[in-house]
Amino acid sequence: MTAFASRRVRRPVTPFNNPVSLIGCFFPLLLLFMILSACDGEPESHAGTPPLRFTAIPDQNSTELQEKFQPLAAYLSEQLGRIVTYVPARDYQASVEMFRNGDVHLAWFGGFTGVQAREAVAGAMAIAQGATDPHYFTYFIAHKDAGIEPSSKFPQDIASLRFTFGSPSSTSGRLMPEYFIRHHTGKTPLDYFDHPVGFSGSHDKTAELVGSGQYQVGAINYKVYERRVLEGSTDPERVQVVWKTPPYADYNWTVHPHVETLFGRGFIQRLQSVLVDIDDPKLLAALPRERLIVAKNQDFDGIRDVAKILNMIR
């Protein structure tokens, strides 16, 4: 064997003939491709953060609420750039518990349930309300055979009649009606009425129970009563308004403070702006409201004071 034949030819090392260098060269490009593929066409929620979940007190039939809130959820998803989902609540207190536990980040509460939620979660904020919500009121309705004449004064002659509230935690269906009963009679409902008072569970059910005659008188959200009359599900000749309460503050959107951690600083202000800017009647019909305005916790101090008077919060 010649010296030439035994000599090894040493080629210069380049990224293209060194496997380790080749991987190092293309790895950054591969990583960038994987990131872009994961983010392509997906909302922010799919990039590692959870969806924004919201609920609402079930003051109407639950099936109707599910149908009405889906378009609103889709709109919020589009405006906020992340998935937003509606989570139905079993009852009023369930909505408060979901908010307390952080299972939902946003809720359409009544005045009282909003107070309960904000008392339970430090830093929770009321951020929006309907334009009519600072001046809300309750209707006392009566079956046509109850013999109660409509009046601008509290109906003092209902003590012997069968009376029902709505949900035990409803502002317009229980809290404020009970307050006005105590104010005008000097007695609790338990002491004032001859028969045990009922709790229908929702405003729609209150209208149905009074309409059937099972209860002769009931307290109902004025918007629900007017909606039912308009759609023909309640006959105002059979179930008539006999008294309208003085005004009080009621419904509101309340947000959990944890959203600033989940979705970034400034998210609450952004969410508030999106809600207040809604001008589509089909979206607002879920509430139902004609428009939303800014709200703050202090707007509901009166509700909080009444709840303390009635020993419903400490």
C-alpha atoms as a PDB file:
ATOM      1  CA  MET A   1       0.000   0.000   0.000  1.00  0.00           C
ATOM      2  CA  THR A   2       1.397   3.378  -0.970  1.00  0.00           C
ATOM      3  CA  ALA A   3       1.653   6.349   1.375  1.00  0.00           C
ATOM      4  CA  PHE A   4      -0.841   8.158  -0.795  1.00  0.00           C
ATOM      5  CA  ALA A   5      -3.404   5.398  -0.504  1.00  0.00           C
ATOM      6  CA  SER A   6      -3.151   5.224   3.270  1.00  0.00           C
ATOM      7  CA  ARG A   7      -3.587   8.974   3.766  1.00  0.00           C
ATOM      8  CA  ARG A   8      -7.116  10.054   4.787  1.00  0.00           C
ATOM      9  CA  VAL A   9      -8.658  13.031   3.111  1.00  0.00           C
ATOM     10  CA  ARG A  10     -10.092  15.430   5.708  1.00  0.00           C
ATOM     11  CA  ARG A  11     -12.990  17.535   4.419  1.00  0.00           C
ATOM     12  CA  PRO A  12     -13.911  20.860   6.040  1.00  0.00           C
ATOM     13  CA  VAL A  13     -16.799  20.603   8.494  1.00  0.00           C
ATOM     14  CA  THR A  14     -19.945  22.550   7.445  1.00  0.00           C
ATOM     15  CA  PRO A  15     -23.514  22.618   8.809  1.00  0.00           C
ATOM     16  CA  PHE A  16     -24.554  20.451   5.889  1.00  0.00           C
ATOM     17  CA  ASN A  17     -22.219  17.529   6.564  1.00  0.00           C
ATOM     18  CA  ASN A  18     -22.433  17.701  10.394  1.00  0.00           C
ATOM     19  CA  PRO A  19     -25.758  16.230  11.725  1.00  0.00           C
ATOM     20  CA  VAL A  20     -25.528  18.067  15.052  1.00  0.00           C
ATOM     21  CA  SER A  21     -24.924  21.410  13.385  1.00  0.00           C
ATOM     22  CA  LEU A  22     -27.731  20.705  10.904  1.00  0.00           C
ATOM     23  CA  ILE A  23     -30.254  20.213  13.702  1.00  0.00           C
ATOM     24  CA  GLY A  24     -29.032  23.337  15.461  1.00  0.00           C
ATOM     25  CA  CYS A  25     -29.429  25.317  12.279  1.00  0.00           C
ATOM     26  CA  PHE A  26     -33.033  24.332  11.572  1.00  0.00           C
ATOM     27  CA  PHE A  27     -34.356  24.002  15.159  1.00  0.00           C
ATOM     28  CA  PRO A  28     -35.256  27.709  15.584  1.00  0.00           C
ATOM     29  CA  LEU A  29     -37.186  27.595  12.306  1.00  0.00           C
ATOM     30  CA  LEU A  30     -38.994  24.427  13.392  1.00  0.00           C
ATOM     31  CA  LEU A  31     -39.922  25.983  16.749  1.00  0.00           C
ATOM     32  CA  LEU A  32     -41.264  29.114  15.056  1.00  0.00           C
ATOM     33  CA  PHE A  33     -43.370  26.998  12.696  1.00  0.00           C
ATOM     34  CA  MET A  34     -44.875  25.046  15.614  1.00  0.00           C
ATOM     35  CA  ILE A  35     -45.809  28.271  17.458  1.00  0.00           C
ATOM     36  CA  LEU A  36     -47.413  29.813  14.399  1.00  0.00           C
ATOM     37  CA  SER A  37     -49.335  26.606  13.666  1.00  0.00           C
ATOM     38  CA  ALA A  38     -50.697  26.477  17.231  1.00  0.00           C
ATOM     39  CA  CYS A  39     -51.912  30.079  17.089  1.00  0.00           C
ATOM     40  CA  ASP A  40     -53.166  30.156  13.492  1.00  0.00           C
ATOM     41  CA  GLY A  41     -56.904  30.910  13.356  1.00  0.00           C
ATOM     42  CA  GLU A  42     -57.556  30.244  17.052  1.00  0.00           C
ATOM     43  CA  PRO A  43     -58.756  32.712  19.732  1.00  0.00           C
ATOM     44  CA  GLU A  44     -56.420  33.618  22.588  1.00  0.00           C
ATOM     45  CA  SER A  45     -58.163  31.091  24.855  1.00  0.00           C
ATOM     46  CA  HIS A  46     -56.607  28.232  22.853  1.00  0.00           C
ATOM     47  CA  ALA A  47     -53.125  29.613  23.405  1.00  0.00           C
ATOM     48  CA  GLY A  48     -53.031  28.576  27.048  1.00  0.00           C
ATOM     49  CA  THR A  49     -55.633  30.701  28.835  1.00  0.00           C
ATOM     50  CA  PRO A  50     -59.135  29.470  29.789  1.00  0.00           C
ATOM     51  CA  PRO A  51     -62.335  30.799  28.237  1.00  0.00           C
ATOM     52  CA  LEU A  52     -64.212  33.655  29.863  1.00  0.00           C
ATOM     53  CA  ARG A  53     -67.274  32.074  31.486  1.00  0.00           C
ATOM     54  CA  PHE A  54     -70.389  34.018  32.465  1.00  0.00           C
ATOM     55  CA  THR A  55     -73.747  33.205  34.003  1.00  0.00           C
ATOM     56  CA  ALA A  56     -77.020  34.921  34.839  1.00  0.00           C
ATOM     57  CA  ILE A  57     -79.619  34.575  37.545  1.00  0.00           C
ATOM     58  CA  PRO A  58     -82.422  32.345  36.201  1.00  0.00           C
ATOM     59  CA  ASP A  59     -85.184  34.944  36.541  1.00  0.00           C
ATOM     60  CA  GLN A  60     -86.787  33.635  33.348  1.00  0.00           C
ATOM     61  CA  ASN A  61     -87.343  30.134  32.003  1.00  0.00           C
ATOM     62  CA  SER A  62     -83.909  28.481  31.690  1.00  0.00           C
ATOM     63  CA  THR A  63     -84.436  27.298  28.095  1.00  0.00           C
ATOM     64  CA  GLU A  64     -85.194  30.850  26.991  1.00  0.00           C
ATOM     65  CA  LEU A  65     -82.078  32.171  28.722  1.00  0.00           C
ATOM     66  CA  GLN A  66     -79.856  29.555  27.061  1.00  0.00           C
ATOM     67  CA  GLU A  67     -81.143  30.569  23.617  1.00  0.00           C
ATOM     68  CA  LYS A  68     -80.887  34.309  24.317  1.00  0.00           C
ATOM     69  CA  PHE A  69     -77.370  34.308  25.779  1.00  0.00           C
ATOM     70  CA  GLN A  70     -75.682  32.263  23.024  1.00  0.00           C
ATOM     71  CA  PRO A  71     -75.595  35.189  20.542  1.00  0.00           C
ATOM     72  CA  LEU A  72     -74.247  37.463  23.283  1.00  0.00           C
ATOM     73  CA  ALA A  73     -71.513  34.931  24.083  1.00  0.00           C
ATOM     74  CA  ALA A  74     -70.546  34.805  20.387  1.00  0.00           C
ATOM     75  CA  TYR A  75     -70.419  38.609  20.192  1.00  0.00           C
ATOM     76  CA  LEU A  76     -68.242  38.927  23.287  1.00  0.00           C
ATOM     77  CA  SER A  77     -65.914  36.242  21.899  1.00  0.00           C
ATOM     78  CA  GLU A  78     -65.458  38.267  18.731  1.00  0.00           C
ATOM     79  CA  GLN A  79     -64.935  41.588  20.493  1.00  0.00           C
ATOM     80  CA  LEU A  80     -62.606  40.291  23.211  1.00  0.00           C
ATOM     81  CA  GLY A  81     -60.592  37.916  21.013  1.00  0.00           C
ATOM     82  CA  ARG A  82     -61.101  34.880  23.216  1.00  0.00           C
ATOM     83  CA  ILE A  83     -63.727  32.196  23.726  1.00  0.00           C
ATOM     84  CA  VAL A  84     -66.650  33.346  25.900  1.00  0.00           C
ATOM     85  CA  THR A  85     -69.166  30.774  27.127  1.00  0.00           C
ATOM     86  CA  TYR A  86     -72.510  31.029  28.919  1.00  0.00           C
ATOM     87  CA  VAL A  87     -72.933  28.723  31.924  1.00  0.00           C
ATOM     88  CA  PRO A  88     -76.554  28.279  33.091  1.00  0.00           C
ATOM     89  CA  ALA A  89     -77.261  28.506  36.824  1.00  0.00           C
ATOM     90  CA  ARG A  90     -79.633  26.158  38.596  1.00  0.00           C
ATOM     91  CA  ASP A  91     -81.036  28.922  40.781  1.00  0.00           C
ATOM     92  CA  TYR A  92     -80.143  32.365  42.139  1.00  0.00           C
ATOM     93  CA  GLN A  93     -77.872  31.081  44.883  1.00  0.00           C
ATOM     94  CA  ALA A  94     -76.099  28.728  42.506  1.00  0.00           C
ATOM     95  CA  SER A  95     -75.087  31.725  40.385  1.00  0.00           C
ATOM     96  CA  VAL A  96     -73.576  33.389  43.463  1.00  0.00           C
ATOM     97  CA  GLU A  97     -71.737  30.202  44.460  1.00  0.00           C
ATOM     98  CA  MET A  98     -70.272  29.752  40.972  1.00  0.00           C
ATOM     99  CA  PHE A  99     -68.985  33.326  41.122  1.00  0.00           C
ATOM    100  CA  ARG A 100     -67.645  32.878  44.663  1.00  0.00           C
ATOM    101  CA  ASN A 101     -65.761  29.735  43.633  1.00  0.00           C
ATOM    102  CA  GLY A 102     -64.348  31.303  40.467  1.00  0.00           C
ATOM    103  CA  ASP A 103     -66.260  28.877  38.224  1.00  0.00           C
ATOM    104  CA  VAL A 104     -67.567  31.922  36.331  1.00  0.00           C
ATOM    105  CA  HIS A 105     -65.796  35.232  35.817  1.00  0.00           C
ATOM    106  CA  LEU A 106     -68.759  37.434  34.962  1.00  0.00           C
ATOM    107  CA  ALA A 107     -72.426  37.370  35.964  1.00  0.00           C
ATOM    108  CA  TRP A 108     -75.672  39.161  35.186  1.00  0.00           C
ATOM    109  CA  PHE A 109     -76.933  39.501  38.753  1.00  0.00           C
ATOM    110  CA  GLY A 110     -79.931  41.074  40.361  1.00  0.00           C
ATOM    111  CA  GLY A 111     -79.280  43.864  42.835  1.00  0.00           C
ATOM    112  CA  PHE A 112     -79.249  41.534  45.841  1.00  0.00           C
ATOM    113  CA  THR A 113     -77.340  38.618  44.281  1.00  0.00           C
ATOM    114  CA  GLY A 114     -74.796  41.163  43.023  1.00  0.00           C
ATOM    115  CA  VAL A 115     -74.344  42.450  46.570  1.00  0.00           C
ATOM    116  CA  GLN A 116     -73.981  38.867  47.839  1.00  0.00           C
ATOM    117  CA  ALA A 117     -71.356  38.067  45.204  1.00  0.00           C
ATOM    118  CA  ARG A 118     -69.316  41.197  45.859  1.00  0.00           C
ATOM    119  CA  GLU A 119     -69.496  40.616  49.625  1.00  0.00           C
ATOM    120  CA  ALA A 120     -68.151  37.095  49.049  1.00  0.00           C
ATOM    121  CA  VAL A 121     -65.323  38.049  46.647  1.00  0.00           C
ATOM    122  CA  ALA A 122     -63.057  40.916  47.640  1.00  0.00           C
ATOM    123  CA  GLY A 123     -62.352  43.174  44.683  1.00  0.00           C
ATOM    124  CA  ALA A 124     -65.393  42.093  42.651  1.00  0.00           C
ATOM    125  CA  MET A 125     -66.851  45.006  40.719  1.00  0.00           C
ATOM    126  CA  ALA A 126     -70.205  45.994  39.253  1.00  0.00           C
ATOM    127  CA  ILE A 127     -69.230  47.342  35.816  1.00  0.00           C
ATOM    128  CA  ALA A 128     -72.454  47.753  33.805  1.00  0.00           C
ATOM    129  CA  GLN A 129     -76.207  47.972  34.248  1.00  0.00           C
ATOM    130  CA  GLY A 130     -79.256  48.655  32.151  1.00  0.00           C
ATOM    131  CA  ALA A 131     -80.180  52.298  31.639  1.00  0.00           C
ATOM    132  CA  THR A 132     -83.411  51.584  33.550  1.00  0.00           C
ATOM    133  CA  ASP A 133     -81.776  49.643  36.394  1.00  0.00           C
ATOM    134  CA  PRO A 134     -81.038  52.592  38.698  1.00  0.00           C
ATOM    135  CA  HIS A 135     -84.819  53.151  38.822  1.00  0.00           C
ATOM    136  CA  TYR A 136     -86.294  49.648  38.890  1.00  0.00           C
ATOM    137  CA  PHE A 137     -89.555  48.598  40.533  1.00  0.00           C
ATOM    138  CA  THR A 138     -91.822  45.652  41.338  1.00  0.00           C
ATOM    139  CA  TYR A 139     -95.434  45.004  40.422  1.00  0.00           C
ATOM    140  CA  PHE A 140     -97.826  43.475  42.905  1.00  0.00           C
ATOM    141  CA  ILE A 141    -100.198  41.459  40.732  1.00  0.00           C
ATOM    142  CA  ALA A 142    -103.532  39.880  41.659  1.00  0.00           C
ATOM    143  CA  HIS A 143    -105.928  37.368  40.147  1.00  0.00           C
ATOM    144  CA  LYS A 144    -109.101  39.014  38.828  1.00  0.00           C
ATOM    145  CA  ASP A 145    -111.220  37.120  41.371  1.00  0.00           C
ATOM    146  CA  ALA A 146    -109.166  38.369  44.346  1.00  0.00           C
ATOM    147  CA  GLY A 147    -111.242  41.564  44.525  1.00  0.00           C
ATOM    148  CA  ILE A 148    -108.240  43.902  44.728  1.00  0.00           C
ATOM    149  CA  GLU A 149    -108.567  47.240  42.968  1.00  0.00           C
ATOM    150  CA  PRO A 150    -105.457  48.822  41.394  1.00  0.00           C
ATOM    151  CA  SER A 151    -104.161  51.747  43.449  1.00  0.00           C
ATOM    152  CA  SER A 152    -101.147  54.033  43.829  1.00  0.00           C
ATOM    153  CA  LYS A 153    -101.104  53.078  47.512  1.00  0.00           C
ATOM    154  CA  PHE A 154     -99.939  49.845  49.092  1.00  0.00           C
ATOM    155  CA  PRO A 155    -102.844  47.322  49.018  1.00  0.00           C
ATOM    156  CA  GLN A 156    -103.590  46.979  52.726  1.00  0.00           C
ATOM    157  CA  ASP A 157    -106.405  44.467  52.122  1.00  0.00           C
ATOM    158  CA  ILE A 158    -104.226  41.559  50.884  1.00  0.00           C
ATOM    159  CA  ALA A 159    -103.420  40.099  54.318  1.00  0.00           C
ATOM    160  CA  SER A 160    -106.080  37.392  54.037  1.00  0.00           C
ATOM    161  CA  LEU A 161    -105.025  36.339  50.522  1.00  0.00           C
ATOM    162  CA  ARG A 162    -102.551  33.699  49.370  1.00  0.00           C
ATOM    163  CA  PHE A 163     -99.329  35.550  48.422  1.00  0.00           C
ATOM    164  CA  THR A 164     -96.191  34.389  46.626  1.00  0.00           C
ATOM    165  CA  PHE A 165     -92.749  35.895  46.182  1.00  0.00           C
ATOM    166  CA  GLY A 166     -90.430  34.832  43.334  1.00  0.00           C
ATOM    167  CA  SER A 167     -87.044  33.374  44.222  1.00  0.00           C
ATOM    168  CA  PRO A 168     -85.964  33.770  47.869  1.00  0.00           C
ATOM    169  CA  SER A 169     -82.886  35.664  46.587  1.00  0.00           C
ATOM    170  CA  SER A 170     -84.636  37.853  44.017  1.00  0.00           C
ATOM    171  CA  THR A 171     -84.339  41.623  44.436  1.00  0.00           C
ATOM    172  CA  SER A 172     -87.573  42.493  42.610  1.00  0.00           C
ATOM    173  CA  GLY A 173     -89.354  39.259  43.529  1.00  0.00           C
ATOM    174  CA  ARG A 174     -88.544  39.064  47.226  1.00  0.00           C
ATOM    175  CA  LEU A 175     -86.062  41.472  48.851  1.00  0.00           C
ATOM    176  CA  MET A 176     -87.711  44.773  47.960  1.00  0.00           C
ATOM    177  CA  PRO A 177     -91.321  43.496  48.123  1.00  0.00           C
ATOM    178  CA  GLU A 178     -90.658  42.190  51.622  1.00  0.00           C
ATOM    179  CA  TYR A 179     -89.078  45.505  52.596  1.00  0.00           C
ATOM    180  CA  PHE A 180     -92.138  47.428  51.389  1.00  0.00           C
ATOM    181  CA  ILE A 181     -94.526  45.024  53.111  1.00  0.00           C
ATOM    182  CA  ARG A 182     -92.694  45.588  56.396  1.00  0.00           C
ATOM    183  CA  HIS A 183     -92.529  49.332  55.788  1.00  0.00           C
ATOM    184  CA  HIS A 184     -96.276  49.699  55.143  1.00  0.00           C
ATOM    185  CA  THR A 185     -97.637  47.173  57.651  1.00  0.00           C
ATOM    186  CA  GLY A 186     -95.066  47.184  60.435  1.00  0.00           C
ATOM    187  CA  LYS A 187     -95.024  43.379  60.232  1.00  0.00           C
ATOM    188  CA  THR A 188     -92.975  40.661  58.604  1.00  0.00           C
ATOM    189  CA  PRO A 189     -94.712  38.720  55.813  1.00  0.00           C
ATOM    190  CA  LEU A 190     -94.897  35.756  58.180  1.00  0.00           C
ATOM    191  CA  ASP A 191     -96.875  37.825  60.680  1.00  0.00           C
ATOM    192  CA  TYR A 192     -98.837  39.894  58.189  1.00  0.00           C
ATOM    193  CA  PHE A 193    -100.354  37.236  55.922  1.00  0.00           C
ATOM    194  CA  ASP A 194    -102.932  34.786  57.211  1.00  0.00           C
ATOM    195  CA  HIS A 195    -101.575  32.035  54.953  1.00  0.00           C
ATOM    196  CA  PRO A 196     -97.938  30.893  54.584  1.00  0.00           C
ATOM    197  CA  VAL A 197     -96.265  32.869  51.803  1.00  0.00           C
ATOM    198  CA  GLY A 198     -94.941  31.013  48.776  1.00  0.00           C
ATOM    199  CA  PHE A 199     -91.726  31.203  46.763  1.00  0.00           C
ATOM    200  CA  SER A 200     -92.333  30.427  43.110  1.00  0.00           C
ATOM    201  CA  GLY A 201     -88.640  30.349  42.110  1.00  0.00           C
ATOM    202  CA  SER A 202     -88.923  32.716  39.129  1.00  0.00           C
ATOM    203  CA  HIS A 203     -90.938  35.663  37.855  1.00  0.00           C
ATOM    204  CA  ASP A 204     -92.480  33.643  35.026  1.00  0.00           C
ATOM    205  CA  LYS A 205     -93.659  31.052  37.540  1.00  0.00           C
ATOM    206  CA  THR A 206     -95.133  33.779  39.758  1.00  0.00           C
ATOM    207  CA  ALA A 207     -97.257  34.997  36.828  1.00  0.00           C
ATOM    208  CA  GLU A 208     -98.359  31.443  36.095  1.00  0.00           C
ATOM    209  CA  LEU A 209     -99.296  30.677  39.714  1.00  0.00           C
ATOM    210  CA  VAL A 210    -101.320  33.873  40.109  1.00  0.00           C
ATOM    211  CA  GLY A 211    -102.916  33.311  36.714  1.00  0.00           C
ATOM    212  CA  SER A 212    -104.011  29.817  37.711  1.00  0.00           C
ATOM    213  CA  GLY A 213    -105.454  31.077  41.010  1.00  0.00           C
ATOM    214  CA  GLN A 214    -103.147  28.883  43.106  1.00  0.00           C
ATOM    215  CA  TYR A 215    -101.958  32.157  44.635  1.00  0.00           C
ATOM    216  CA  GLN A 216    -104.151  35.235  44.593  1.00  0.00           C
ATOM    217  CA  VAL A 217    -101.416  37.860  44.824  1.00  0.00           C
ATOM    218  CA  GLY A 218     -97.723  37.908  43.907  1.00  0.00           C
ATOM    219  CA  ALA A 219     -94.641  40.129  43.533  1.00  0.00           C
ATOM    220  CA  ILE A 220     -93.079  40.188  40.080  1.00  0.00           C
ATOM    221  CA  ASN A 221     -90.360  41.959  38.095  1.00  0.00           C
ATOM    222  CA  TYR A 222     -92.187  44.610  36.072  1.00  0.00           C
ATOM    223  CA  LYS A 223     -90.218  43.857  32.896  1.00  0.00           C
ATOM    224  CA  VAL A 224     -91.156  40.177  32.998  1.00  0.00           C
ATOM    225  CA  TYR A 225     -94.830  41.004  33.522  1.00  0.00           C
ATOM    226  CA  GLU A 226     -94.839  43.486  30.630  1.00  0.00           C
ATOM    227  CA  ARG A 227     -93.020  41.008  28.371  1.00  0.00           C
ATOM    228  CA  ARG A 228     -95.540  38.290  29.151  1.00  0.00           C
ATOM    229  CA  VAL A 229     -98.461  40.607  28.433  1.00  0.00           C
ATOM    230  CA  LEU A 230     -96.861  41.694  25.154  1.00  0.00           C
ATOM    231  CA  GLU A 231     -96.243  38.124  23.996  1.00  0.00           C
ATOM    232  CA  GLY A 232     -99.705  36.993  25.112  1.00  0.00           C
ATOM    233  CA  SER A 233     -98.668  34.508  27.810  1.00  0.00           C
ATOM    234  CA  THR A 234    -100.339  36.590  30.563  1.00  0.00           C
ATOM    235  CA  ASP A 235    -103.802  38.121  30.201  1.00  0.00           C
ATOM    236  CA  PRO A 236    -103.862  41.539  31.961  1.00  0.00           C
ATOM    237  CA  GLU A 237    -107.611  41.157  32.435  1.00  0.00           C
ATOM    238  CA  ARG A 238    -107.045  37.944  34.394  1.00  0.00           C
ATOM    239  CA  VAL A 239    -103.799  38.933  36.154  1.00  0.00           C
ATOM    240  CA  GLN A 240    -103.723  42.671  36.790  1.00  0.00           C
ATOM    241  CA  VAL A 241    -101.246  45.054  38.372  1.00  0.00           C
ATOM    242  CA  VAL A 242    -102.644  46.342  41.649  1.00  0.00           C
ATOM    243  CA  TRP A 243     -99.614  48.257  42.945  1.00  0.00           C
ATOM    244  CA  LYS A 244     -96.247  49.549  41.702  1.00  0.00           C
ATOM    245  CA  THR A 245     -93.481  49.907  44.293  1.00  0.00           C
ATOM    246  CA  PRO A 246     -91.199  52.931  44.683  1.00  0.00           C
ATOM    247  CA  PRO A 247     -87.974  52.665  42.617  1.00  0.00           C
ATOM    248  CA  TYR A 248     -84.699  51.014  43.626  1.00  0.00           C
ATOM    249  CA  ALA A 249     -81.477  49.886  41.907  1.00  0.00           C
ATOM    250  CA  ASP A 250     -81.408  46.374  40.493  1.00  0.00           C
ATOM    251  CA  TYR A 251     -79.640  44.329  37.786  1.00  0.00           C
ATOM    252  CA  ASN A 252     -75.931  44.585  36.956  1.00  0.00           C
ATOM    253  CA  TRP A 253     -72.955  42.883  35.346  1.00  0.00           C
ATOM    254  CA  THR A 254     -70.426  42.007  38.046  1.00  0.00           C
ATOM    255  CA  VAL A 255     -66.897  40.841  37.193  1.00  0.00           C
ATOM    256  CA  HIS A 256     -64.512  38.671  39.216  1.00  0.00           C
ATOM    257  CA  PRO A 257     -61.157  40.374  40.015  1.00  0.00           C
ATOM    258  CA  HIS A 258     -59.264  37.229  38.941  1.00  0.00           C
ATOM    259  CA  VAL A 259     -59.831  38.125  35.275  1.00  0.00           C
ATOM    260  CA  GLU A 260     -56.981  40.631  35.501  1.00  0.00           C
ATOM    261  CA  THR A 261     -54.656  37.740  36.342  1.00  0.00           C
ATOM    262  CA  LEU A 262     -56.115  35.397  33.732  1.00  0.00           C
ATOM    263  CA  PHE A 263     -56.506  37.797  30.822  1.00  0.00           C
ATOM    264  CA  GLY A 264     -54.121  40.637  31.571  1.00  0.00           C
ATOM    265  CA  ARG A 265     -54.074  44.020  33.255  1.00  0.00           C
ATOM    266  CA  GLY A 266     -56.751  46.358  31.940  1.00  0.00           C
ATOM    267  CA  PHE A 267     -59.111  43.542  30.935  1.00  0.00           C
ATOM    268  CA  ILE A 268     -61.919  44.739  33.231  1.00  0.00           C
ATOM    269  CA  GLN A 269     -61.946  48.175  31.625  1.00  0.00           C
ATOM    270  CA  ARG A 270     -61.891  46.583  28.177  1.00  0.00           C
ATOM    271  CA  LEU A 271     -64.794  44.270  29.092  1.00  0.00           C
ATOM    272  CA  GLN A 272     -66.786  47.177  30.508  1.00  0.00           C
ATOM    273  CA  SER A 273     -66.320  49.168  27.303  1.00  0.00           C
ATOM    274  CA  VAL A 274     -67.437  46.223  25.141  1.00  0.00           C
ATOM    275  CA  LEU A 275     -70.595  45.740  27.224  1.00  0.00           C
ATOM    276  CA  VAL A 276     -71.550  49.421  27.344  1.00  0.00           C
ATOM    277  CA  ASP A 277     -70.953  49.804  23.588  1.00  0.00           C
ATOM    278  CA  ILE A 278     -73.445  47.071  22.612  1.00  0.00           C
ATOM    279  CA  ASP A 279     -76.126  48.616  20.418  1.00  0.00           C
ATOM    280  CA  ASP A 280     -77.646  45.549  18.742  1.00  0.00           C
ATOM    281  CA  PRO A 281     -81.245  45.110  20.035  1.00  0.00           C
ATOM    282  CA  LYS A 282     -81.030  41.346  19.468  1.00  0.00           C
ATOM    283  CA  LEU A 283     -78.081  41.065  21.853  1.00  0.00           C
ATOM    284  CA  LEU A 284     -79.601  43.388  24.459  1.00  0.00           C
ATOM    285  CA  ALA A 285     -82.871  41.407  24.315  1.00  0.00           C
ATOM    286  CA  ALA A 286     -81.186  38.657  26.327  1.00  0.00           C
ATOM    287  CA  LEU A 287     -81.198  40.909  29.399  1.00  0.00           C
ATOM    288  CA  PRO A 288     -83.671  42.484  28.267  1.00  0.00           C
ATOM    289  CA  ARG A 289     -82.452  46.090  28.038  1.00  0.00           C
ATOM    290  CA  GLU A 290     -82.416  48.809  25.407  1.00  0.00           C
ATOM    291  CA  ARG A 291     -78.884  49.868  26.348  1.00  0.00           C
ATOM    292  CA  LEU A 292     -76.250  49.446  29.052  1.00  0.00           C
ATOM    293  CA  ILE A 293     -74.531  52.128  31.108  1.00  0.00           C
ATOM    294  CA  VAL A 294     -71.540  52.137  33.462  1.00  0.00           C
ATOM    295  CA  ALA A 295     -72.171  50.827  36.988  1.00  0.00           C
ATOM    296  CA  LYS A 296     -70.179  50.893  40.212  1.00  0.00           C
ATOM    297  CA  ASN A 297     -70.522  49.083  43.529  1.00  0.00           C
ATOM    298  CA  GLN A 298     -71.810  52.180  45.332  1.00  0.00           C
ATOM    299  CA  ASP A 299     -74.902  52.228  43.095  1.00  0.00           C
ATOM    300  CA  PHE A 300     -76.232  49.284  45.105  1.00  0.00           C
ATOM    301  CA  ASP A 301     -75.535  50.509  48.629  1.00  0.00           C
ATOM    302  CA  GLY A 302     -79.290  50.928  49.141  1.00  0.00           C
ATOM    303  CA  ILE A 303     -79.895  47.256  48.304  1.00  0.00           C
ATOM    304  CA  ARG A 304     -77.086  46.292  50.684  1.00  0.00           C
ATOM    305  CA  ASP A 305     -78.667  48.366  53.463  1.00  0.00           C
ATOM    306  CA  VAL A 306     -82.085  46.752  52.940  1.00  0.00           C
ATOM    307  CA  ALA A 307     -80.529  43.267  52.942  1.00  0.00           C
ATOM    308  CA  LYS A 308     -78.931  44.058  56.299  1.00  0.00           C
ATOM    309  CA  ILE A 309     -82.223  45.365  57.696  1.00  0.00           C
ATOM    310  CA  LEU A 310     -83.896  42.085  56.673  1.00  0.00           C
ATOM    311  CA  ASN A 311     -80.963  40.069  58.092  1.00  0.00           C
ATOM    312  CA  MET A 312     -80.309  38.565  54.648  1.00  0.00           C
ATOM    313  CA  ILE A 313     -76.630  39.502  54.849  1.00  0.00           C
ATOM    314  CA  ARG A 314     -74.463  40.365  57.849  1.00  0.00           C
END
